[in-house]
Amino acid sequence: MPPVFAHGRLRLYLLKLLDEAPRHGYEVIRLLEERFHGLYAPSAGTVYPRLAKLEAEGLVTHATEGGRKVYSITDAGREELAGRSGELADLEVEIRESVSELAAEIRDDVRGAAGKLRSEMRAAASRTRTTPRAENEEWRKVTHEWQEQARRAREEAQQARRQAKEAQDSARHEMQRIAKQVQDQVQDHFTRGDWPTGVREGLSELTAQLSGLAKHGMSWPPKPDPSGPTPPAPATTPDPSDTPEAPAPETPSPDPAAEWPRDLTRTGDPARDLDRLLDRFRDDIRDAARDHGVTETQLAEARRHLSSAAAHIAAALHTGDRT
């Protein structure tokens, strides 16, 4: 297979990605994999040394956020990128051609394997027609065993489809519960005018719930609804010897969602903090999908909940109350 990037081309494309926005190394690898439609993904041993070299040349710099190095392009890097704009246009064409070549190679490999399999099956059929009777009897036994295995496989497939249908129904109910829970939680903050907390907790809750669905395959037992009725506490008989005291103020337990993400500190600029929250939200969801996969049902449910969350957050940002 020919190299995906010609000499010096990957260096140029890294500058282009960092010119779009500051990124950490793992995000750069994911973006390159997406650009090649999953047919090619550079290794960490390919990307990180080049980022280090660009930093040594003064073309990029890095800052540490949450234990990660986040790389940003410098003015010198932008000057080089501007001076090589023609090469950048050629590079986009080369990437499209590389994707086409990789896809063609995969198709050729599949066709070659299929052709080899057909040839082997024809040869086996030919040998069967010319073998003695004893060998034919053995072949019939083997064929019967194959048919029996195929029957069992069909039964297992039917059972798997039934289980998948039950899992999808369970997942649909769970996603509806999550949507109602997040909507109520965010709407409560919006009603009180505390839109920054509403946005932060809404994104945090949605991230945690969607990550849980991907991690557990949408089959874990649903958590109790915190909005449901709370069982009454058992009655106690007061002790006359006790001296009445004023009740101590109740200390609310910390809400994990309000602390998401724990490794991002506020900068004092709400707009920048919101951008960083959205970036982390996207990274968490992509990591969950990359690690555990996404089904069509999960995609449809996630799209519906993201649409609802986007509508609520946009409505909050358009209000006049900027507390």
C-alpha atoms as a PDB file:
ATOM      1  CA  MET A   1       0.000   0.000   0.000  1.00  0.00           C
ATOM      2  CA  PRO A   2       1.480   3.430  -0.906  1.00  0.00           C
ATOM      3  CA  PRO A   3       2.087   5.886   1.953  1.00  0.00           C
ATOM      4  CA  VAL A   4      -0.982   7.915   2.912  1.00  0.00           C
ATOM      5  CA  PHE A   5       0.952  11.173   3.360  1.00  0.00           C
ATOM      6  CA  ALA A   6       3.866  12.200   1.177  1.00  0.00           C
ATOM      7  CA  HIS A   7       6.996  13.601   2.834  1.00  0.00           C
ATOM      8  CA  GLY A   8       6.166  16.674   4.914  1.00  0.00           C
ATOM      9  CA  ARG A   9       2.428  16.488   4.203  1.00  0.00           C
ATOM     10  CA  LEU A  10       1.384  15.192   7.638  1.00  0.00           C
ATOM     11  CA  ARG A  11       3.290  18.076   9.251  1.00  0.00           C
ATOM     12  CA  LEU A  12       1.339  20.554   7.123  1.00  0.00           C
ATOM     13  CA  TYR A  13      -2.001  18.910   7.925  1.00  0.00           C
ATOM     14  CA  LEU A  14      -1.266  18.994  11.659  1.00  0.00           C
ATOM     15  CA  LEU A  15      -0.777  22.777  11.407  1.00  0.00           C
ATOM     16  CA  LYS A  16      -4.118  23.020   9.574  1.00  0.00           C
ATOM     17  CA  LEU A  17      -5.965  21.088  12.322  1.00  0.00           C
ATOM     18  CA  LEU A  18      -4.392  23.203  15.076  1.00  0.00           C
ATOM     19  CA  ASP A  19      -5.241  26.387  13.169  1.00  0.00           C
ATOM     20  CA  GLU A  20      -8.919  25.391  13.376  1.00  0.00           C
ATOM     21  CA  ALA A  21      -8.819  25.022  17.192  1.00  0.00           C
ATOM     22  CA  PRO A  22      -6.448  23.957  20.005  1.00  0.00           C
ATOM     23  CA  ARG A  23      -6.463  20.170  20.313  1.00  0.00           C
ATOM     24  CA  HIS A  24      -4.815  17.388  22.292  1.00  0.00           C
ATOM     25  CA  GLY A  25      -2.956  14.600  20.524  1.00  0.00           C
ATOM     26  CA  TYR A  26      -5.667  11.964  20.854  1.00  0.00           C
ATOM     27  CA  GLU A  27      -8.205  14.342  19.315  1.00  0.00           C
ATOM     28  CA  VAL A  28      -5.860  14.935  16.360  1.00  0.00           C
ATOM     29  CA  ILE A  29      -5.638  11.158  15.799  1.00  0.00           C
ATOM     30  CA  ARG A  30      -9.439  10.842  15.874  1.00  0.00           C
ATOM     31  CA  LEU A  31      -9.920  13.711  13.420  1.00  0.00           C
ATOM     32  CA  LEU A  32      -7.473  12.133  10.973  1.00  0.00           C
ATOM     33  CA  GLU A  33      -9.261   8.789  11.265  1.00  0.00           C
ATOM     34  CA  GLU A  34     -12.610  10.490  10.571  1.00  0.00           C
ATOM     35  CA  ARG A  35     -11.104  12.320   7.590  1.00  0.00           C
ATOM     36  CA  PHE A  36     -10.137   8.935   6.101  1.00  0.00           C
ATOM     37  CA  HIS A  37     -13.574   7.396   6.906  1.00  0.00           C
ATOM     38  CA  GLY A  38     -11.996   4.904   9.283  1.00  0.00           C
ATOM     39  CA  LEU A  39      -9.748   3.389   6.596  1.00  0.00           C
ATOM     40  CA  TYR A  40      -6.582   4.878   8.123  1.00  0.00           C
ATOM     41  CA  ALA A  41      -5.678   6.063  11.617  1.00  0.00           C
ATOM     42  CA  PRO A  42      -2.146   7.283  12.460  1.00  0.00           C
ATOM     43  CA  SER A  43      -0.539   5.822  15.551  1.00  0.00           C
ATOM     44  CA  ALA A  44       0.453   7.846  18.593  1.00  0.00           C
ATOM     45  CA  GLY A  45       4.069   7.134  17.637  1.00  0.00           C
ATOM     46  CA  THR A  46       3.438   8.969  14.368  1.00  0.00           C
ATOM     47  CA  VAL A  47       1.553  12.020  15.657  1.00  0.00           C
ATOM     48  CA  TYR A  48       3.156  12.920  18.991  1.00  0.00           C
ATOM     49  CA  PRO A  49       6.796  13.095  17.755  1.00  0.00           C
ATOM     50  CA  ARG A  50       5.710  15.437  14.939  1.00  0.00           C
ATOM     51  CA  LEU A  51       3.835  17.657  17.399  1.00  0.00           C
ATOM     52  CA  ALA A  52       6.957  17.771  19.572  1.00  0.00           C
ATOM     53  CA  LYS A  53       9.061  18.727  16.549  1.00  0.00           C
ATOM     54  CA  LEU A  54       6.619  21.476  15.550  1.00  0.00           C
ATOM     55  CA  GLU A  55       6.827  22.821  19.091  1.00  0.00           C
ATOM     56  CA  ALA A  56      10.625  22.746  19.007  1.00  0.00           C
ATOM     57  CA  GLU A  57      10.494  24.798  15.791  1.00  0.00           C
ATOM     58  CA  GLY A  58       8.238  27.352  17.457  1.00  0.00           C
ATOM     59  CA  LEU A  59       5.272  26.629  15.187  1.00  0.00           C
ATOM     60  CA  VAL A  60       3.020  25.277  17.959  1.00  0.00           C
ATOM     61  CA  THR A  61       2.890  25.537  21.735  1.00  0.00           C
ATOM     62  CA  HIS A  62       1.068  23.569  24.403  1.00  0.00           C
ATOM     63  CA  ALA A  63      -0.717  24.077  27.700  1.00  0.00           C
ATOM     64  CA  THR A  64      -1.696  21.381  30.197  1.00  0.00           C
ATOM     65  CA  GLU A  65      -5.411  21.015  30.933  1.00  0.00           C
ATOM     66  CA  GLY A  66      -6.704  18.172  33.062  1.00  0.00           C
ATOM     67  CA  GLY A  67      -3.450  16.257  32.739  1.00  0.00           C
ATOM     68  CA  ARG A  68      -3.454  16.523  28.915  1.00  0.00           C
ATOM     69  CA  LYS A  69      -1.251  18.551  26.614  1.00  0.00           C
ATOM     70  CA  VAL A  70      -3.440  20.816  24.508  1.00  0.00           C
ATOM     71  CA  TYR A  71      -1.528  22.069  21.451  1.00  0.00           C
ATOM     72  CA  SER A  72      -2.147  25.486  19.840  1.00  0.00           C
ATOM     73  CA  ILE A  73      -0.684  27.031  16.698  1.00  0.00           C
ATOM     74  CA  THR A  74       1.612  30.066  17.084  1.00  0.00           C
ATOM     75  CA  ASP A  75       1.884  33.145  14.869  1.00  0.00           C
ATOM     76  CA  ALA A  76       4.927  31.572  13.213  1.00  0.00           C
ATOM     77  CA  GLY A  77       2.877  28.470  12.478  1.00  0.00           C
ATOM     78  CA  ARG A  78       0.111  30.545  10.911  1.00  0.00           C
ATOM     79  CA  GLU A  79       2.680  32.327   8.720  1.00  0.00           C
ATOM     80  CA  GLU A  80       3.991  29.004   7.430  1.00  0.00           C
ATOM     81  CA  LEU A  81       0.449  27.748   6.857  1.00  0.00           C
ATOM     82  CA  ALA A  82      -0.437  30.900   4.909  1.00  0.00           C
ATOM     83  CA  GLY A  83       2.713  30.575   2.808  1.00  0.00           C
ATOM     84  CA  ARG A  84       1.849  26.984   1.890  1.00  0.00           C
ATOM     85  CA  SER A  85      -1.853  27.493   1.111  1.00  0.00           C
ATOM     86  CA  GLY A  86      -1.345  26.092  -2.390  1.00  0.00           C
ATOM     87  CA  GLU A  87       0.203  22.910  -0.987  1.00  0.00           C
ATOM     88  CA  LEU A  88      -2.697  22.624   1.441  1.00  0.00           C
ATOM     89  CA  ALA A  89      -5.213  22.588  -1.426  1.00  0.00           C
ATOM     90  CA  ASP A  90      -3.154  19.899  -3.177  1.00  0.00           C
ATOM     91  CA  LEU A  91      -3.055  17.942   0.097  1.00  0.00           C
ATOM     92  CA  GLU A  92      -6.864  17.825   0.290  1.00  0.00           C
ATOM     93  CA  VAL A  93      -6.927  16.329  -3.219  1.00  0.00           C
ATOM     94  CA  GLU A  94      -4.252  13.797  -2.232  1.00  0.00           C
ATOM     95  CA  ILE A  95      -6.272  12.752   0.839  1.00  0.00           C
ATOM     96  CA  ARG A  96      -9.376  12.119  -1.275  1.00  0.00           C
ATOM     97  CA  GLU A  97      -7.299  10.060  -3.706  1.00  0.00           C
ATOM     98  CA  SER A  98      -5.733   8.099  -0.814  1.00  0.00           C
ATOM     99  CA  VAL A  99      -9.187   7.280   0.554  1.00  0.00           C
ATOM    100  CA  SER A 100     -10.271   6.016  -2.873  1.00  0.00           C
ATOM    101  CA  GLU A 101      -7.115   3.883  -3.220  1.00  0.00           C
ATOM    102  CA  LEU A 102      -7.539   2.375   0.254  1.00  0.00           C
ATOM    103  CA  ALA A 103     -11.175   1.534  -0.479  1.00  0.00           C
ATOM    104  CA  ALA A 104     -10.214  -0.036  -3.821  1.00  0.00           C
ATOM    105  CA  GLU A 105      -7.556  -2.210  -2.149  1.00  0.00           C
ATOM    106  CA  ILE A 106     -10.069  -3.438   0.412  1.00  0.00           C
ATOM    107  CA  ARG A 107     -12.568  -4.286  -2.345  1.00  0.00           C
ATOM    108  CA  ASP A 108      -9.870  -6.179  -4.268  1.00  0.00           C
ATOM    109  CA  ASP A 109      -8.920  -8.158  -1.154  1.00  0.00           C
ATOM    110  CA  VAL A 110     -12.548  -9.104  -0.529  1.00  0.00           C
ATOM    111  CA  ARG A 111     -13.094 -10.107  -4.146  1.00  0.00           C
ATOM    112  CA  GLY A 112      -9.918 -12.181  -4.156  1.00  0.00           C
ATOM    113  CA  ALA A 113     -10.929 -14.015  -0.994  1.00  0.00           C
ATOM    114  CA  ALA A 114     -14.417 -14.659  -2.366  1.00  0.00           C
ATOM    115  CA  GLY A 115     -12.996 -15.980  -5.639  1.00  0.00           C
ATOM    116  CA  LYS A 116     -10.617 -18.295  -3.811  1.00  0.00           C
ATOM    117  CA  LEU A 117     -13.486 -19.623  -1.697  1.00  0.00           C
ATOM    118  CA  ARG A 118     -15.594 -20.331  -4.793  1.00  0.00           C
ATOM    119  CA  SER A 119     -12.699 -22.177  -6.422  1.00  0.00           C
ATOM    120  CA  GLU A 120     -12.188 -24.334  -3.349  1.00  0.00           C
ATOM    121  CA  MET A 121     -15.890 -25.165  -3.202  1.00  0.00           C
ATOM    122  CA  ARG A 122     -15.947 -26.148  -6.896  1.00  0.00           C
ATOM    123  CA  ALA A 123     -12.879 -28.331  -6.386  1.00  0.00           C
ATOM    124  CA  ALA A 124     -14.501 -30.018  -3.389  1.00  0.00           C
ATOM    125  CA  ALA A 125     -17.691 -30.634  -5.392  1.00  0.00           C
ATOM    126  CA  SER A 126     -15.658 -32.066  -8.262  1.00  0.00           C
ATOM    127  CA  ARG A 127     -13.802 -34.425  -5.951  1.00  0.00           C
ATOM    128  CA  THR A 128     -17.104 -35.552  -4.464  1.00  0.00           C
ATOM    129  CA  ARG A 129     -18.499 -36.551  -7.880  1.00  0.00           C
ATOM    130  CA  THR A 130     -15.443 -38.711  -8.619  1.00  0.00           C
ATOM    131  CA  THR A 131     -14.868 -40.331  -5.201  1.00  0.00           C
ATOM    132  CA  PRO A 132     -15.768 -43.969  -4.453  1.00  0.00           C
ATOM    133  CA  ARG A 133     -19.031 -44.888  -2.760  1.00  0.00           C
ATOM    134  CA  ALA A 134     -17.491 -45.071   0.727  1.00  0.00           C
ATOM    135  CA  GLU A 135     -16.202 -41.537   0.407  1.00  0.00           C
ATOM    136  CA  ASN A 136     -19.598 -40.382  -0.868  1.00  0.00           C
ATOM    137  CA  GLU A 137     -21.202 -41.859   2.242  1.00  0.00           C
ATOM    138  CA  GLU A 138     -18.735 -39.985   4.397  1.00  0.00           C
ATOM    139  CA  TRP A 139     -19.509 -36.817   2.467  1.00  0.00           C
ATOM    140  CA  ARG A 140     -23.232 -37.292   3.128  1.00  0.00           C
ATOM    141  CA  LYS A 141     -22.527 -37.613   6.839  1.00  0.00           C
ATOM    142  CA  VAL A 142     -20.495 -34.436   6.790  1.00  0.00           C
ATOM    143  CA  THR A 143     -23.254 -32.687   4.837  1.00  0.00           C
ATOM    144  CA  HIS A 144     -25.826 -33.825   7.375  1.00  0.00           C
ATOM    145  CA  GLU A 145     -23.684 -32.459  10.202  1.00  0.00           C
ATOM    146  CA  TRP A 146     -23.387 -29.142   8.371  1.00  0.00           C
ATOM    147  CA  GLN A 147     -27.147 -28.995   7.947  1.00  0.00           C
ATOM    148  CA  GLU A 148     -27.666 -29.734  11.614  1.00  0.00           C
ATOM    149  CA  GLN A 149     -25.201 -27.008  12.571  1.00  0.00           C
ATOM    150  CA  ALA A 150     -26.986 -24.597  10.229  1.00  0.00           C
ATOM    151  CA  ARG A 151     -30.320 -25.443  11.869  1.00  0.00           C
ATOM    152  CA  ARG A 152     -28.921 -24.798  15.326  1.00  0.00           C
ATOM    153  CA  ALA A 153     -27.365 -21.563  14.092  1.00  0.00           C
ATOM    154  CA  ARG A 154     -30.753 -20.404  12.767  1.00  0.00           C
ATOM    155  CA  GLU A 155     -32.387 -21.161  16.108  1.00  0.00           C
ATOM    156  CA  GLU A 156     -29.662 -19.276  17.966  1.00  0.00           C
ATOM    157  CA  ALA A 157     -30.034 -16.358  15.547  1.00  0.00           C
ATOM    158  CA  GLN A 158     -33.795 -16.238  16.156  1.00  0.00           C
ATOM    159  CA  GLN A 159     -33.220 -16.274  19.897  1.00  0.00           C
ATOM    160  CA  ALA A 160     -30.622 -13.503  19.549  1.00  0.00           C
ATOM    161  CA  ARG A 161     -33.102 -11.404  17.536  1.00  0.00           C
ATOM    162  CA  ARG A 162     -35.728 -11.833  20.251  1.00  0.00           C
ATOM    163  CA  GLN A 163     -33.244 -10.811  22.915  1.00  0.00           C
ATOM    164  CA  ALA A 164     -32.174  -7.822  20.829  1.00  0.00           C
ATOM    165  CA  LYS A 165     -35.811  -6.739  20.452  1.00  0.00           C
ATOM    166  CA  GLU A 166     -36.306  -6.981  24.209  1.00  0.00           C
ATOM    167  CA  ALA A 167     -33.092  -5.005  24.779  1.00  0.00           C
ATOM    168  CA  GLN A 168     -34.221  -2.310  22.324  1.00  0.00           C
ATOM    169  CA  ASP A 169     -37.584  -1.973  24.060  1.00  0.00           C
ATOM    170  CA  SER A 170     -35.855  -1.716  27.425  1.00  0.00           C
ATOM    171  CA  ALA A 171     -33.392   0.816  26.013  1.00  0.00           C
ATOM    172  CA  ARG A 172     -36.214   2.928  24.555  1.00  0.00           C
ATOM    173  CA  HIS A 173     -37.967   3.127  27.921  1.00  0.00           C
ATOM    174  CA  GLU A 174     -34.683   3.954  29.645  1.00  0.00           C
ATOM    175  CA  MET A 175     -33.839   6.716  27.150  1.00  0.00           C
ATOM    176  CA  GLN A 176     -37.300   8.222  27.644  1.00  0.00           C
ATOM    177  CA  ARG A 177     -36.727   8.192  31.396  1.00  0.00           C
ATOM    178  CA  ILE A 178     -33.329   9.859  30.969  1.00  0.00           C
ATOM    179  CA  ALA A 179     -34.796  12.543  28.697  1.00  0.00           C
ATOM    180  CA  LYS A 180     -37.533  13.368  31.221  1.00  0.00           C
ATOM    181  CA  GLN A 181     -35.064  13.451  34.106  1.00  0.00           C
ATOM    182  CA  VAL A 182     -32.574  15.734  32.320  1.00  0.00           C
ATOM    183  CA  GLN A 183     -35.345  17.999  30.993  1.00  0.00           C
ATOM    184  CA  ASP A 184     -36.851  18.461  34.465  1.00  0.00           C
ATOM    185  CA  GLN A 185     -33.448  19.110  36.011  1.00  0.00           C
ATOM    186  CA  VAL A 186     -32.430  21.718  33.412  1.00  0.00           C
ATOM    187  CA  GLN A 187     -35.869  23.376  33.318  1.00  0.00           C
ATOM    188  CA  ASP A 188     -35.771  23.822  37.094  1.00  0.00           C
ATOM    189  CA  HIS A 189     -32.565  25.876  36.844  1.00  0.00           C
ATOM    190  CA  PHE A 190     -33.903  27.858  33.892  1.00  0.00           C
ATOM    191  CA  THR A 191     -37.031  28.722  35.891  1.00  0.00           C
ATOM    192  CA  ARG A 192     -34.863  30.073  38.719  1.00  0.00           C
ATOM    193  CA  GLY A 193     -32.812  32.095  36.210  1.00  0.00           C
ATOM    194  CA  ASP A 194     -29.641  30.133  36.916  1.00  0.00           C
ATOM    195  CA  TRP A 195     -28.928  29.283  33.282  1.00  0.00           C
ATOM    196  CA  PRO A 196     -25.138  28.619  33.609  1.00  0.00           C
ATOM    197  CA  THR A 197     -25.765  25.906  36.201  1.00  0.00           C
ATOM    198  CA  GLY A 198     -28.634  24.548  34.107  1.00  0.00           C
ATOM    199  CA  VAL A 199     -26.410  24.276  31.025  1.00  0.00           C
ATOM    200  CA  ARG A 200     -23.541  22.703  32.951  1.00  0.00           C
ATOM    201  CA  GLU A 201     -25.671  20.176  34.822  1.00  0.00           C
ATOM    202  CA  GLY A 202     -27.733  19.356  31.724  1.00  0.00           C
ATOM    203  CA  LEU A 203     -24.612  18.543  29.697  1.00  0.00           C
ATOM    204  CA  SER A 204     -23.111  16.646  32.625  1.00  0.00           C
ATOM    205  CA  GLU A 205     -26.210  14.532  33.211  1.00  0.00           C
ATOM    206  CA  LEU A 206     -26.682  13.823  29.499  1.00  0.00           C
ATOM    207  CA  THR A 207     -22.995  12.822  29.160  1.00  0.00           C
ATOM    208  CA  ALA A 208     -23.131  10.511  32.176  1.00  0.00           C
ATOM    209  CA  GLN A 209     -26.369   8.847  31.102  1.00  0.00           C
ATOM    210  CA  LEU A 210     -25.389   8.348  27.440  1.00  0.00           C
ATOM    211  CA  SER A 211     -21.964   7.033  28.460  1.00  0.00           C
ATOM    212  CA  GLY A 212     -23.701   4.587  30.784  1.00  0.00           C
ATOM    213  CA  LEU A 213     -25.946   3.384  27.978  1.00  0.00           C
ATOM    214  CA  ALA A 214     -22.983   2.744  25.656  1.00  0.00           C
ATOM    215  CA  LYS A 215     -20.894   1.113  28.378  1.00  0.00           C
ATOM    216  CA  HIS A 216     -23.592  -1.269  29.621  1.00  0.00           C
ATOM    217  CA  GLY A 217     -25.231  -1.987  26.284  1.00  0.00           C
ATOM    218  CA  MET A 218     -28.519  -0.383  27.429  1.00  0.00           C
ATOM    219  CA  SER A 219     -29.370  -3.396  29.574  1.00  0.00           C
ATOM    220  CA  TRP A 220     -28.455  -2.411  33.113  1.00  0.00           C
ATOM    221  CA  PRO A 221     -31.262  -1.929  35.651  1.00  0.00           C
ATOM    222  CA  PRO A 222     -32.617   1.635  35.569  1.00  0.00           C
ATOM    223  CA  LYS A 223     -31.746   3.773  38.516  1.00  0.00           C
ATOM    224  CA  PRO A 224     -34.527   4.877  40.836  1.00  0.00           C
ATOM    225  CA  ASP A 225     -36.179   8.106  39.783  1.00  0.00           C
ATOM    226  CA  PRO A 226     -35.091  10.794  42.277  1.00  0.00           C
ATOM    227  CA  SER A 227     -38.346  12.631  41.610  1.00  0.00           C
ATOM    228  CA  GLY A 228     -40.393   9.667  42.894  1.00  0.00           C
ATOM    229  CA  PRO A 229     -41.940   9.488  46.357  1.00  0.00           C
ATOM    230  CA  THR A 230     -39.571   9.058  49.283  1.00  0.00           C
ATOM    231  CA  PRO A 231     -40.552   6.406  51.855  1.00  0.00           C
ATOM    232  CA  PRO A 232     -41.542   8.006  55.180  1.00  0.00           C
ATOM    233  CA  ALA A 233     -39.024   7.800  57.983  1.00  0.00           C
ATOM    234  CA  PRO A 234     -39.959   5.507  60.888  1.00  0.00           C
ATOM    235  CA  ALA A 235     -41.643   7.244  63.776  1.00  0.00           C
ATOM    236  CA  THR A 236     -39.598   7.701  66.962  1.00  0.00           C
ATOM    237  CA  THR A 237     -40.714   8.430  70.504  1.00  0.00           C
ATOM    238  CA  PRO A 238     -39.037  11.564  71.963  1.00  0.00           C
ATOM    239  CA  ASP A 239     -37.096  11.112  75.190  1.00  0.00           C
ATOM    240  CA  PRO A 240     -38.391  13.517  77.876  1.00  0.00           C
ATOM    241  CA  SER A 241     -34.914  13.760  79.348  1.00  0.00           C
ATOM    242  CA  ASP A 242     -33.493  15.205  76.163  1.00  0.00           C
ATOM    243  CA  THR A 243     -33.072  18.979  76.054  1.00  0.00           C
ATOM    244  CA  PRO A 244     -34.801  20.472  72.991  1.00  0.00           C
ATOM    245  CA  GLU A 245     -32.353  22.010  70.606  1.00  0.00           C
ATOM    246  CA  ALA A 246     -32.788  23.962  67.415  1.00  0.00           C
ATOM    247  CA  PRO A 247     -32.509  21.665  64.406  1.00  0.00           C
ATOM    248  CA  ALA A 248     -29.172  21.841  62.657  1.00  0.00           C
ATOM    249  CA  PRO A 249     -29.324  23.169  59.090  1.00  0.00           C
ATOM    250  CA  GLU A 250     -29.475  20.381  56.584  1.00  0.00           C
ATOM    251  CA  THR A 251     -26.323  20.151  54.476  1.00  0.00           C
ATOM    252  CA  PRO A 252     -27.145  19.199  50.894  1.00  0.00           C
ATOM    253  CA  SER A 253     -25.055  16.418  49.456  1.00  0.00           C
ATOM    254  CA  PRO A 254     -22.888  17.479  46.522  1.00  0.00           C
ATOM    255  CA  ASP A 255     -24.378  16.828  43.127  1.00  0.00           C
ATOM    256  CA  PRO A 256     -21.877  14.919  40.934  1.00  0.00           C
ATOM    257  CA  ALA A 257     -23.439  16.427  37.819  1.00  0.00           C
ATOM    258  CA  ALA A 258     -22.800  19.990  39.074  1.00  0.00           C
ATOM    259  CA  GLU A 259     -19.073  19.189  39.374  1.00  0.00           C
ATOM    260  CA  TRP A 260     -18.715  17.823  35.806  1.00  0.00           C
ATOM    261  CA  PRO A 261     -16.105  17.957  34.459  1.00  0.00           C
ATOM    262  CA  ARG A 262     -13.933  18.027  37.584  1.00  0.00           C
ATOM    263  CA  ASP A 263     -10.648  18.652  35.747  1.00  0.00           C
ATOM    264  CA  LEU A 264     -11.753  21.888  34.050  1.00  0.00           C
ATOM    265  CA  THR A 265     -11.372  25.081  36.068  1.00  0.00           C
ATOM    266  CA  ARG A 266     -13.316  28.226  35.331  1.00  0.00           C
ATOM    267  CA  THR A 267     -11.495  30.977  33.463  1.00  0.00           C
ATOM    268  CA  GLY A 268     -13.791  33.840  34.428  1.00  0.00           C
ATOM    269  CA  ASP A 269     -15.042  34.097  30.847  1.00  0.00           C
ATOM    270  CA  PRO A 270     -18.451  32.354  30.635  1.00  0.00           C
ATOM    271  CA  ALA A 271     -18.334  32.139  26.828  1.00  0.00           C
ATOM    272  CA  ARG A 272     -14.963  30.379  26.875  1.00  0.00           C
ATOM    273  CA  ASP A 273     -16.071  28.119  29.737  1.00  0.00           C
ATOM    274  CA  LEU A 274     -19.164  27.116  27.716  1.00  0.00           C
ATOM    275  CA  ASP A 275     -16.978  26.294  24.681  1.00  0.00           C
ATOM    276  CA  ARG A 276     -14.759  24.122  26.849  1.00  0.00           C
ATOM    277  CA  LEU A 277     -17.777  22.334  28.361  1.00  0.00           C
ATOM    278  CA  LEU A 278     -19.140  21.609  24.881  1.00  0.00           C
ATOM    279  CA  ASP A 279     -15.704  20.332  23.750  1.00  0.00           C
ATOM    280  CA  ARG A 280     -15.458  18.008  26.740  1.00  0.00           C
ATOM    281  CA  PHE A 281     -19.066  16.851  26.219  1.00  0.00           C
ATOM    282  CA  ARG A 282     -18.257  15.945  22.601  1.00  0.00           C
ATOM    283  CA  ASP A 283     -15.041  14.159  23.612  1.00  0.00           C
ATOM    284  CA  ASP A 284     -16.777  12.075  26.304  1.00  0.00           C
ATOM    285  CA  ILE A 285     -19.568  10.982  23.961  1.00  0.00           C
ATOM    286  CA  ARG A 286     -17.103  10.154  21.148  1.00  0.00           C
ATOM    287  CA  ASP A 287     -14.931   8.151  23.559  1.00  0.00           C
ATOM    288  CA  ALA A 288     -17.958   6.151  24.733  1.00  0.00           C
ATOM    289  CA  ALA A 289     -19.092   5.493  21.159  1.00  0.00           C
ATOM    290  CA  ARG A 290     -15.569   4.555  20.036  1.00  0.00           C
ATOM    291  CA  ASP A 291     -15.046   2.156  22.959  1.00  0.00           C
ATOM    292  CA  HIS A 292     -18.455   0.452  22.968  1.00  0.00           C
ATOM    293  CA  GLY A 293     -19.990   1.037  19.531  1.00  0.00           C
ATOM    294  CA  VAL A 294     -23.310   2.619  18.551  1.00  0.00           C
ATOM    295  CA  THR A 295     -26.410   0.860  17.226  1.00  0.00           C
ATOM    296  CA  GLU A 296     -29.021   2.442  14.979  1.00  0.00           C
ATOM    297  CA  THR A 297     -31.473   2.504  17.884  1.00  0.00           C
ATOM    298  CA  GLN A 298     -28.939   4.223  20.141  1.00  0.00           C
ATOM    299  CA  LEU A 299     -28.158   6.744  17.406  1.00  0.00           C
ATOM    300  CA  ALA A 300     -31.830   7.620  16.917  1.00  0.00           C
ATOM    301  CA  GLU A 301     -32.444   8.016  20.643  1.00  0.00           C
ATOM    302  CA  ALA A 302     -29.230  10.037  21.138  1.00  0.00           C
ATOM    303  CA  ARG A 303     -30.188  12.349  18.239  1.00  0.00           C
ATOM    304  CA  ARG A 304     -33.581  13.011  19.820  1.00  0.00           C
ATOM    305  CA  HIS A 305     -32.110  13.797  23.243  1.00  0.00           C
ATOM    306  CA  LEU A 306     -29.357  15.978  21.814  1.00  0.00           C
ATOM    307  CA  SER A 307     -31.959  17.917  19.842  1.00  0.00           C
ATOM    308  CA  SER A 308     -33.998  18.468  23.003  1.00  0.00           C
ATOM    309  CA  ALA A 309     -30.922  19.516  25.014  1.00  0.00           C
ATOM    310  CA  ALA A 310     -29.804  21.899  22.238  1.00  0.00           C
ATOM    311  CA  ALA A 311     -33.237  23.539  22.154  1.00  0.00           C
ATOM    312  CA  HIS A 312     -33.284  24.081  25.930  1.00  0.00           C
ATOM    313  CA  ILE A 313     -29.715  25.415  26.052  1.00  0.00           C
ATOM    314  CA  ALA A 314     -30.308  27.740  23.086  1.00  0.00           C
ATOM    315  CA  ALA A 315     -33.469  29.058  24.756  1.00  0.00           C
ATOM    316  CA  ALA A 316     -31.521  29.742  27.935  1.00  0.00           C
ATOM    317  CA  LEU A 317     -28.759  31.576  26.091  1.00  0.00           C
ATOM    318  CA  HIS A 318     -31.300  33.801  24.322  1.00  0.00           C
ATOM    319  CA  THR A 319     -32.904  35.005  27.563  1.00  0.00           C
ATOM    320  CA  GLY A 320     -31.995  38.429  28.887  1.00  0.00           C
ATOM    321  CA  ASP A 321     -31.104  37.171  32.380  1.00  0.00           C
ATOM    322  CA  ARG A 322     -27.294  36.590  32.396  1.00  0.00           C
ATOM    323  CA  THR A 323     -26.858  35.774  36.087  1.00  0.00           C
END
